[in-house]
Amino acid sequence: MKVVPLQKKEKVLGKVYGKRRYDLPLNNNENTRFLVILIALMSFLATLGLSGFFTLGAMAERWTSGLKNNLTLEIPAETKEGRLLSAEEMTSLTQAAVSILSSYPAVESHTVMSREDIQKLVEPWLGEGTLSAAAFPLPGLISVKTKPGTERKSLEALTEKIHSAVAGARLDTHESWLRDVLRFTGALQFAATLLLATIALTTIIAVAGAVNARLSVHRADVELLHLMGATDRYISRQFQRHALLLGLAGSAAGVAAGSLGLLAIGWMTGEMDVNLLPQHRLSLPQIISTATTPLIIALLAVMAARQTVLQALAKMP
């Protein structure tokens, strides 16, 4: 009788006519469906969280680039004593401010906003048609763009010059508003990161729990495989393959549902008459990152299954 080494015995385990199969009946369990559903839900949330993370980053970048090196000069229509300025006085003050901006070296360009443009800015708050009367007092606004690399000292000197020529004028650098917005978007991105980390941890714990349960059910079968010469790595690969298939099935379904949900959200926001937030479309790298979510979740499931099985087998006699 020919003796077959243990290594060769391990190679023929799990093969039928050259096709790999399970040596353990891992699929014969109703908890398998529950695990797939749980992974699908986690993948759905991961897709929404990842998309939100990308969208917040793009919004912050757009707001930063849109306000960088841009200032707003406001000339109030009312003096400190409460007297309304006439149209001639507003024109004179605006021309004085423009003269300073035109000669200041740090200013790249400036645009004086017309009364019609100012009306369009304030009508959403006051109502359409409220400012139809020509006598309605409106401040003067000048959009200013500074040269790249302009220092704070230069802006402070410009502010002093304008204040000396135009009493009550305000030069808004948008710095405080932009800082608050970036802090807010950063906090939301941190929350999205915590959500993604929680999803990953939940997936790992769920897979580890399911694997432990299956190991307890098939303890006798695992011991039999040991007696037949199967190593711990070979047995763990049985569970790894099982976790991989479940992870791919659940995560693919979850990502598909999440993508449909994002399309629905995009369609609904596109139908709104008032866009409170700038529209954003995911770039190609971001779409690829979202599409690889099923692979990442499946990999987490495989790693959790491997570590759980190896630790459990190490405790077996």
Protein backbone atom coordinates (compact mmCIF):
# COMPACT_ATOMS: atom_id res chain seq x y z
CA MET A 1 0.00 0.00 0.00
CA LYS A 2 1.37 3.36 -1.05
CA VAL A 3 1.64 6.01 1.68
CA VAL A 4 0.56 9.52 0.61
CA PRO A 5 2.30 12.41 2.39
CA LEU A 6 0.14 14.85 4.36
CA GLN A 7 1.03 17.69 1.98
CA LYS A 8 -0.43 15.75 -0.96
CA LYS A 9 -3.48 14.83 1.06
CA GLU A 10 -4.10 18.50 1.71
CA LYS A 11 -3.87 19.27 -1.98
CA VAL A 12 -6.62 16.81 -2.91
CA LEU A 13 -8.96 17.96 -0.14
CA GLY A 14 -11.83 20.07 -1.41
CA LYS A 15 -11.47 19.03 -5.06
CA VAL A 16 -13.95 17.18 -7.21
CA TYR A 17 -12.84 16.60 -10.82
CA GLY A 18 -10.44 19.54 -10.54
CA LYS A 19 -13.05 22.04 -9.29
CA ARG A 20 -12.77 23.49 -5.79
CA ARG A 21 -15.71 23.09 -3.43
CA TYR A 22 -16.38 23.50 0.28
CA ASP A 23 -15.22 20.69 2.58
CA LEU A 24 -17.51 22.24 5.21
CA PRO A 25 -21.24 22.84 4.63
CA LEU A 26 -20.93 26.58 5.23
CA ASN A 27 -23.77 27.56 2.90
CA ASN A 28 -26.35 25.42 4.65
CA ASN A 29 -27.37 28.03 7.18
CA GLU A 30 -30.15 30.61 7.34
CA ASN A 31 -27.80 33.06 9.07
CA THR A 32 -25.94 33.36 5.76
CA ARG A 33 -28.81 35.37 4.28
CA PHE A 34 -28.87 37.62 7.35
CA LEU A 35 -25.14 38.33 7.00
CA VAL A 36 -25.56 39.22 3.32
CA ILE A 37 -28.37 41.64 4.17
CA LEU A 38 -26.29 43.22 6.94
CA ILE A 39 -23.31 43.69 4.62
CA ALA A 40 -25.63 45.18 1.98
CA LEU A 41 -26.95 47.73 4.49
CA MET A 42 -23.43 48.63 5.57
CA SER A 43 -22.39 49.04 1.94
CA PHE A 44 -25.42 51.24 1.27
CA LEU A 45 -24.44 53.55 4.13
CA ALA A 46 -20.79 53.47 3.06
CA THR A 47 -21.74 54.61 -0.46
CA LEU A 48 -23.75 57.53 0.89
CA GLY A 49 -21.04 58.46 3.39
CA LEU A 50 -18.26 58.29 0.81
CA SER A 51 -20.23 60.40 -1.65
CA GLY A 52 -20.96 62.95 1.07
CA PHE A 53 -17.26 63.09 1.96
CA PHE A 54 -16.29 63.78 -1.65
CA THR A 55 -19.07 66.33 -2.14
CA LEU A 56 -18.15 68.28 0.99
CA GLY A 57 -14.50 68.40 -0.09
CA ALA A 58 -15.43 69.67 -3.55
CA MET A 59 -17.77 72.29 -2.10
CA ALA A 60 -15.11 73.58 0.29
CA GLU A 61 -12.58 73.77 -2.53
CA ARG A 62 -15.05 75.61 -4.78
CA TRP A 63 -15.94 78.12 -2.06
CA THR A 64 -12.27 78.69 -1.28
CA SER A 65 -11.26 79.22 -4.90
CA GLY A 66 -14.30 81.42 -5.54
CA LEU A 67 -13.54 83.81 -2.66
CA LYS A 68 -9.77 83.69 -2.69
CA ASN A 69 -8.25 87.10 -3.47
CA ASN A 70 -11.78 88.56 -3.76
CA LEU A 71 -13.01 91.47 -1.64
CA THR A 72 -16.25 93.39 -1.43
CA LEU A 73 -16.27 97.13 -0.82
CA GLU A 74 -19.57 98.41 0.57
CA ILE A 75 -20.53 102.08 0.67
CA PRO A 76 -23.49 102.50 3.03
CA ALA A 77 -26.46 104.50 1.78
CA GLU A 78 -26.87 106.06 5.24
CA THR A 79 -24.45 108.16 7.27
CA LYS A 80 -23.66 107.59 10.93
CA GLU A 81 -26.09 110.41 11.78
CA GLY A 82 -28.91 108.54 10.04
CA ARG A 83 -29.09 110.73 6.93
CA LEU A 84 -29.73 109.01 3.62
CA LEU A 85 -27.27 109.83 0.90
CA SER A 86 -28.54 111.17 -2.38
CA ALA A 87 -27.78 109.54 -5.71
CA GLU A 88 -25.24 112.27 -6.49
CA GLU A 89 -23.45 111.71 -3.18
CA MET A 90 -23.36 107.94 -3.71
CA THR A 91 -21.88 108.48 -7.17
CA SER A 92 -19.24 110.83 -5.81
CA LEU A 93 -18.22 108.41 -3.03
CA THR A 94 -18.14 105.51 -5.47
CA GLN A 95 -15.87 107.44 -7.84
CA ALA A 96 -13.53 108.30 -4.94
CA ALA A 97 -13.30 104.62 -3.99
CA VAL A 98 -12.72 103.60 -7.60
CA SER A 99 -9.91 106.15 -7.89
CA ILE A 100 -8.14 104.61 -4.91
CA LEU A 101 -8.63 101.05 -6.18
CA SER A 102 -7.38 101.93 -9.67
CA SER A 103 -4.11 103.32 -8.35
CA TYR A 104 -3.47 100.75 -5.63
CA PRO A 105 -0.74 98.27 -6.73
CA ALA A 106 -2.21 95.23 -4.94
CA VAL A 107 -5.56 95.52 -6.75
CA GLU A 108 -5.75 93.51 -9.95
CA SER A 109 -9.26 94.51 -11.03
CA HIS A 110 -12.51 95.97 -9.69
CA THR A 111 -16.12 96.09 -10.83
CA VAL A 112 -18.76 98.56 -9.72
CA MET A 113 -22.08 96.77 -9.34
CA SER A 114 -25.09 98.51 -10.85
CA ARG A 115 -28.32 99.16 -8.96
CA GLU A 116 -30.00 96.38 -10.94
CA ASP A 117 -27.33 93.88 -9.88
CA ILE A 118 -27.69 94.89 -6.23
CA GLN A 119 -31.47 94.53 -6.49
CA LYS A 120 -31.06 90.97 -7.73
CA LEU A 121 -28.87 90.18 -4.71
CA VAL A 122 -31.37 91.40 -2.10
CA GLU A 123 -34.68 90.50 -3.77
CA PRO A 124 -34.64 86.85 -2.53
CA TRP A 125 -34.78 88.21 1.04
CA LEU A 126 -37.07 91.22 0.55
CA GLY A 127 -39.32 89.84 -2.17
CA GLU A 128 -39.55 90.46 -5.88
CA GLY A 129 -40.78 93.93 -6.82
CA THR A 130 -40.06 95.47 -3.41
CA LEU A 131 -37.14 97.50 -4.75
CA SER A 132 -38.84 98.70 -7.92
CA ALA A 133 -38.92 102.27 -6.70
CA ALA A 134 -35.84 104.21 -7.79
CA ALA A 135 -35.81 106.16 -4.53
CA PHE A 136 -35.31 103.06 -2.39
CA PRO A 137 -31.89 103.42 -0.68
CA LEU A 138 -29.36 100.81 -1.64
CA PRO A 139 -25.68 100.64 -0.68
CA GLY A 140 -22.94 100.86 -3.25
CA LEU A 141 -21.02 97.66 -3.89
CA ILE A 142 -17.68 97.21 -5.61
CA SER A 143 -16.24 93.77 -6.31
CA VAL A 144 -12.46 93.83 -5.88
CA LYS A 145 -9.92 91.22 -6.95
CA THR A 146 -6.44 91.45 -5.48
CA LYS A 147 -3.24 90.08 -6.95
CA PRO A 148 -2.16 86.60 -5.80
CA GLY A 149 0.07 86.66 -2.74
CA THR A 150 -1.26 89.95 -1.39
CA GLU A 151 -0.28 90.25 2.28
CA ARG A 152 -2.55 91.26 5.14
CA LYS A 153 -0.58 94.47 5.73
CA SER A 154 -1.31 95.60 2.20
CA LEU A 155 -5.04 94.99 2.71
CA GLU A 156 -4.96 96.92 5.98
CA ALA A 157 -3.29 99.85 4.24
CA LEU A 158 -5.94 99.75 1.50
CA THR A 159 -8.68 99.75 4.13
CA GLU A 160 -7.20 102.85 5.80
CA LYS A 161 -6.99 104.70 2.49
CA ILE A 162 -10.61 103.92 1.67
CA HIS A 163 -11.81 104.92 5.14
CA SER A 164 -10.01 108.26 4.85
CA ALA A 165 -11.70 109.02 1.52
CA VAL A 166 -15.09 107.35 2.01
CA ALA A 167 -16.54 107.64 5.50
CA GLY A 168 -18.30 104.51 6.71
CA ALA A 169 -17.06 102.29 3.86
CA ARG A 170 -16.51 98.62 4.73
CA LEU A 171 -14.00 96.34 3.03
CA ASP A 172 -15.06 92.72 3.53
CA THR A 173 -12.36 90.09 2.94
CA HIS A 174 -14.82 87.20 3.58
CA GLU A 175 -12.13 85.68 5.81
CA SER A 176 -14.27 85.13 8.89
CA TRP A 177 -17.20 83.74 6.89
CA LEU A 178 -14.96 81.46 4.87
CA ARG A 179 -13.18 80.23 8.00
CA ASP A 180 -16.49 79.29 9.61
CA VAL A 181 -17.68 77.52 6.47
CA LEU A 182 -14.45 75.53 6.14
CA ARG A 183 -14.61 74.59 9.82
CA PHE A 184 -18.20 73.43 9.34
CA THR A 185 -17.43 71.37 6.23
CA GLY A 186 -14.38 69.92 7.97
CA ALA A 187 -16.54 68.83 10.89
CA LEU A 188 -18.98 67.18 8.48
CA GLN A 189 -16.14 65.40 6.69
CA PHE A 190 -14.84 64.15 10.04
CA ALA A 191 -18.33 62.85 10.82
CA ALA A 192 -18.42 61.08 7.45
CA THR A 193 -15.01 59.53 8.22
CA LEU A 194 -16.29 58.29 11.58
CA LEU A 195 -19.31 56.82 9.80
CA LEU A 196 -17.11 54.94 7.34
CA ALA A 197 -14.88 53.68 10.16
CA THR A 198 -17.94 52.53 12.11
CA ILE A 199 -19.26 50.72 9.05
CA ALA A 200 -15.94 48.93 8.56
CA LEU A 201 -15.78 47.95 12.23
CA THR A 202 -19.39 46.73 12.20
CA THR A 203 -18.70 44.61 9.12
CA ILE A 204 -15.64 43.05 10.73
CA ILE A 205 -17.50 42.27 13.97
CA ALA A 206 -20.49 40.81 12.08
CA VAL A 207 -18.30 38.55 9.94
CA ALA A 208 -16.24 37.47 12.95
CA GLY A 209 -19.38 36.60 14.87
CA ALA A 210 -20.80 34.62 11.97
CA VAL A 211 -17.54 32.72 11.50
CA ASN A 212 -17.34 31.90 15.19
CA ALA A 213 -20.88 30.56 15.06
CA ARG A 214 -20.09 28.38 12.05
CA LEU A 215 -16.92 27.09 13.71
CA SER A 216 -18.94 26.06 16.75
CA VAL A 217 -21.48 24.23 14.59
CA HIS A 218 -18.85 22.43 12.52
CA ARG A 219 -16.30 21.80 15.25
CA ALA A 220 -16.41 18.04 14.68
CA ASP A 221 -15.92 18.50 10.92
CA VAL A 222 -12.96 20.80 11.51
CA GLU A 223 -11.34 18.24 13.82
CA LEU A 224 -11.91 15.57 11.18
CA LEU A 225 -10.15 17.70 8.57
CA HIS A 226 -7.26 18.04 10.99
CA LEU A 227 -7.04 14.27 11.30
CA MET A 228 -7.03 13.98 7.51
CA GLY A 229 -3.97 16.24 7.36
CA ALA A 230 -5.51 19.65 6.64
CA THR A 231 -3.59 22.56 8.13
CA ASP A 232 -5.07 25.57 9.88
CA ARG A 233 -4.37 27.73 6.81
CA TYR A 234 -6.28 25.31 4.59
CA ILE A 235 -9.31 25.32 6.91
CA SER A 236 -9.19 29.10 7.19
CA ARG A 237 -9.26 29.38 3.40
CA GLN A 238 -12.59 27.56 3.46
CA PHE A 239 -14.06 30.33 5.61
CA GLN A 240 -12.21 33.05 3.71
CA ARG A 241 -13.73 31.95 0.42
CA HIS A 242 -17.14 31.78 2.04
CA ALA A 243 -16.73 35.29 3.50
CA LEU A 244 -15.47 36.61 0.16
CA LEU A 245 -18.55 35.40 -1.71
CA LEU A 246 -20.92 36.74 0.94
CA GLY A 247 -19.06 40.04 1.10
CA LEU A 248 -19.12 40.53 -2.67
CA ALA A 249 -22.80 39.63 -2.94
CA GLY A 250 -23.90 41.89 -0.09
CA SER A 251 -21.63 44.83 -0.87
CA ALA A 252 -22.45 44.83 -4.59
CA ALA A 253 -26.16 44.97 -3.81
CA GLY A 254 -25.63 47.72 -1.22
CA VAL A 255 -23.47 49.87 -3.50
CA ALA A 256 -25.97 49.49 -6.34
CA ALA A 257 -28.81 50.59 -4.06
CA GLY A 258 -26.70 53.48 -2.75
CA SER A 259 -25.89 54.62 -6.28
CA LEU A 260 -29.58 54.61 -7.18
CA GLY A 261 -30.27 56.60 -4.03
CA LEU A 262 -27.64 59.18 -5.00
CA LEU A 263 -29.16 59.49 -8.46
CA ALA A 264 -32.57 60.06 -6.89
CA ILE A 265 -31.14 62.71 -4.55
CA GLY A 266 -29.43 64.43 -7.48
CA TRP A 267 -32.64 64.41 -9.49
CA MET A 268 -34.68 65.87 -6.61
CA THR A 269 -32.18 68.63 -5.89
CA GLY A 270 -32.04 69.42 -9.60
CA GLU A 271 -35.81 69.95 -9.61
CA MET A 272 -35.62 72.54 -6.83
CA ASP A 273 -36.16 76.16 -7.83
CA VAL A 274 -33.67 77.43 -5.23
CA ASN A 275 -30.23 75.85 -5.08
CA LEU A 276 -28.94 76.39 -1.56
CA LEU A 277 -25.75 74.47 -2.27
CA PRO A 278 -23.56 74.40 -5.37
CA GLN A 279 -24.09 71.38 -7.56
CA HIS A 280 -21.33 68.83 -7.64
CA ARG A 281 -20.67 65.80 -9.78
CA LEU A 282 -18.25 63.11 -8.75
CA SER A 283 -15.01 63.06 -10.70
CA LEU A 284 -13.70 59.92 -12.39
CA PRO A 285 -11.29 59.02 -9.53
CA GLN A 286 -14.11 59.49 -7.02
CA ILE A 287 -16.43 57.28 -9.09
CA ILE A 288 -13.72 54.62 -9.24
CA SER A 289 -13.25 54.87 -5.46
CA THR A 290 -16.97 54.38 -4.93
CA ALA A 291 -17.04 51.47 -7.37
CA THR A 292 -14.25 49.70 -5.47
CA THR A 293 -16.28 49.78 -2.25
CA PRO A 294 -17.55 46.18 -2.74
CA LEU A 295 -13.97 44.94 -3.10
CA ILE A 296 -12.86 46.78 0.05
CA ILE A 297 -15.76 45.44 2.10
CA ALA A 298 -15.20 41.92 0.76
CA LEU A 299 -11.51 42.22 1.67
CA LEU A 300 -12.45 43.27 5.20
CA ALA A 301 -14.73 40.24 5.42
CA VAL A 302 -11.93 37.93 4.25
CA MET A 303 -9.44 39.38 6.74
CA ALA A 304 -11.95 39.10 9.58
CA ALA A 305 -12.74 35.50 8.68
CA ARG A 306 -9.07 34.54 8.43
CA GLN A 307 -8.08 36.10 11.75
CA THR A 308 -11.10 34.66 13.55
CA VAL A 309 -10.55 31.13 12.26
CA LEU A 310 -6.83 31.08 12.96
CA GLN A 311 -7.34 32.32 16.51
CA ALA A 312 -10.09 29.75 17.13
CA LEU A 313 -8.06 26.89 15.66
CA ALA A 314 -5.05 27.82 17.76
CA LYS A 315 -7.14 27.17 20.88
CA MET A 316 -8.29 23.75 19.69
CA PRO A 317 -6.38 20.67 20.93
